[in-house]
Amino acid sequence: MKTLHLSESHKSLYFWPGVTLSVIAILFFVWGLMLFSENWMGQAIWGTLATVFAVVLLAMAVRDSRGTVRTAA
């Protein structure tokens, strides 16, 4: 079983867009909490979508880093 070298994942093209979308998702959830007494459902939906895309991008970054470690070894 190959070990994961997550320190190599930040070199992937998918890493920084994934981190950016994670920050955007957090901002949407905080905004939704600030609007909790009003209509917060839109912020929750956009935050969830941003979270899903961020998780996919970060998973692709980890997978991409595993490929570079495998070829480098």
Protein backbone atom coordinates (compact mmCIF):
# COMPACT_ATOMS: atom_id res chain seq x y z
CA MET A 1 0.00 0.00 0.00
CA LYS A 2 1.35 3.39 -1.01
CA THR A 3 1.59 6.05 1.66
CA LEU A 4 0.02 9.44 1.11
CA HIS A 5 2.37 12.39 1.00
CA LEU A 6 -0.05 15.23 1.55
CA SER A 7 2.81 17.72 1.60
CA GLU A 8 3.05 17.19 -2.16
CA SER A 9 -0.63 17.95 -2.78
CA HIS A 10 -0.17 21.73 -2.56
CA LYS A 11 1.81 21.57 -5.81
CA SER A 12 -1.23 20.27 -7.68
CA LEU A 13 -3.27 22.58 -9.91
CA TYR A 14 -6.43 21.48 -8.07
CA PHE A 15 -5.24 22.38 -4.56
CA TRP A 16 -5.52 26.17 -4.47
CA PRO A 17 -8.92 26.35 -6.23
CA GLY A 18 -10.12 23.77 -3.70
CA VAL A 19 -8.84 25.85 -0.81
CA THR A 20 -10.41 28.97 -2.28
CA LEU A 21 -13.77 27.24 -2.63
CA SER A 22 -13.46 25.99 0.95
CA VAL A 23 -13.03 29.57 2.15
CA ILE A 24 -15.99 30.69 0.04
CA ALA A 25 -18.11 27.87 1.50
CA ILE A 26 -17.18 28.94 5.03
CA LEU A 27 -18.12 32.54 4.20
CA PHE A 28 -21.51 31.40 2.87
CA PHE A 29 -22.19 29.38 6.02
CA VAL A 30 -21.18 32.30 8.28
CA TRP A 31 -23.37 34.61 6.22
CA GLY A 32 -26.22 32.13 6.59
CA LEU A 33 -25.73 32.08 10.37
CA MET A 34 -25.86 35.86 10.44
CA LEU A 35 -29.17 35.73 8.55
CA PHE A 36 -30.58 32.89 10.64
CA SER A 37 -33.71 34.79 11.61
CA GLU A 38 -34.35 35.71 7.97
CA ASN A 39 -34.04 33.82 4.69
CA TRP A 40 -30.78 31.84 5.12
CA MET A 41 -31.60 28.89 2.87
CA GLY A 42 -29.89 30.37 -0.20
CA GLN A 43 -26.61 30.78 1.63
CA ALA A 44 -26.85 27.21 2.93
CA ILE A 45 -27.42 25.88 -0.59
CA TRP A 46 -24.53 27.87 -2.09
CA GLY A 47 -22.30 26.90 0.82
CA THR A 48 -23.13 23.24 0.29
CA LEU A 49 -22.41 23.45 -3.44
CA ALA A 50 -19.10 25.20 -2.80
CA THR A 51 -18.23 22.52 -0.21
CA VAL A 52 -18.97 19.70 -2.64
CA PHE A 53 -16.84 21.25 -5.38
CA ALA A 54 -14.04 22.00 -2.89
CA VAL A 55 -14.00 18.40 -1.65
CA VAL A 56 -13.85 17.11 -5.23
CA LEU A 57 -10.99 19.46 -6.10
CA LEU A 58 -9.05 18.60 -2.94
CA ALA A 59 -9.55 14.88 -3.58
CA MET A 60 -8.23 15.38 -7.11
CA ALA A 61 -5.23 17.24 -5.66
CA VAL A 62 -4.49 14.32 -3.32
CA ARG A 63 -4.89 11.86 -6.18
CA ASP A 64 -2.64 14.00 -8.38
CA SER A 65 0.03 14.13 -5.66
CA ARG A 66 -0.10 10.34 -5.28
CA GLY A 67 0.62 10.07 -9.00
CA THR A 68 3.64 12.36 -8.79
CA VAL A 69 5.01 10.49 -5.79
CA ARG A 70 4.55 7.17 -7.56
CA THR A 71 6.43 8.33 -10.68
CA ALA A 72 9.16 9.99 -8.64
CA ALA A 73 9.91 6.85 -6.61
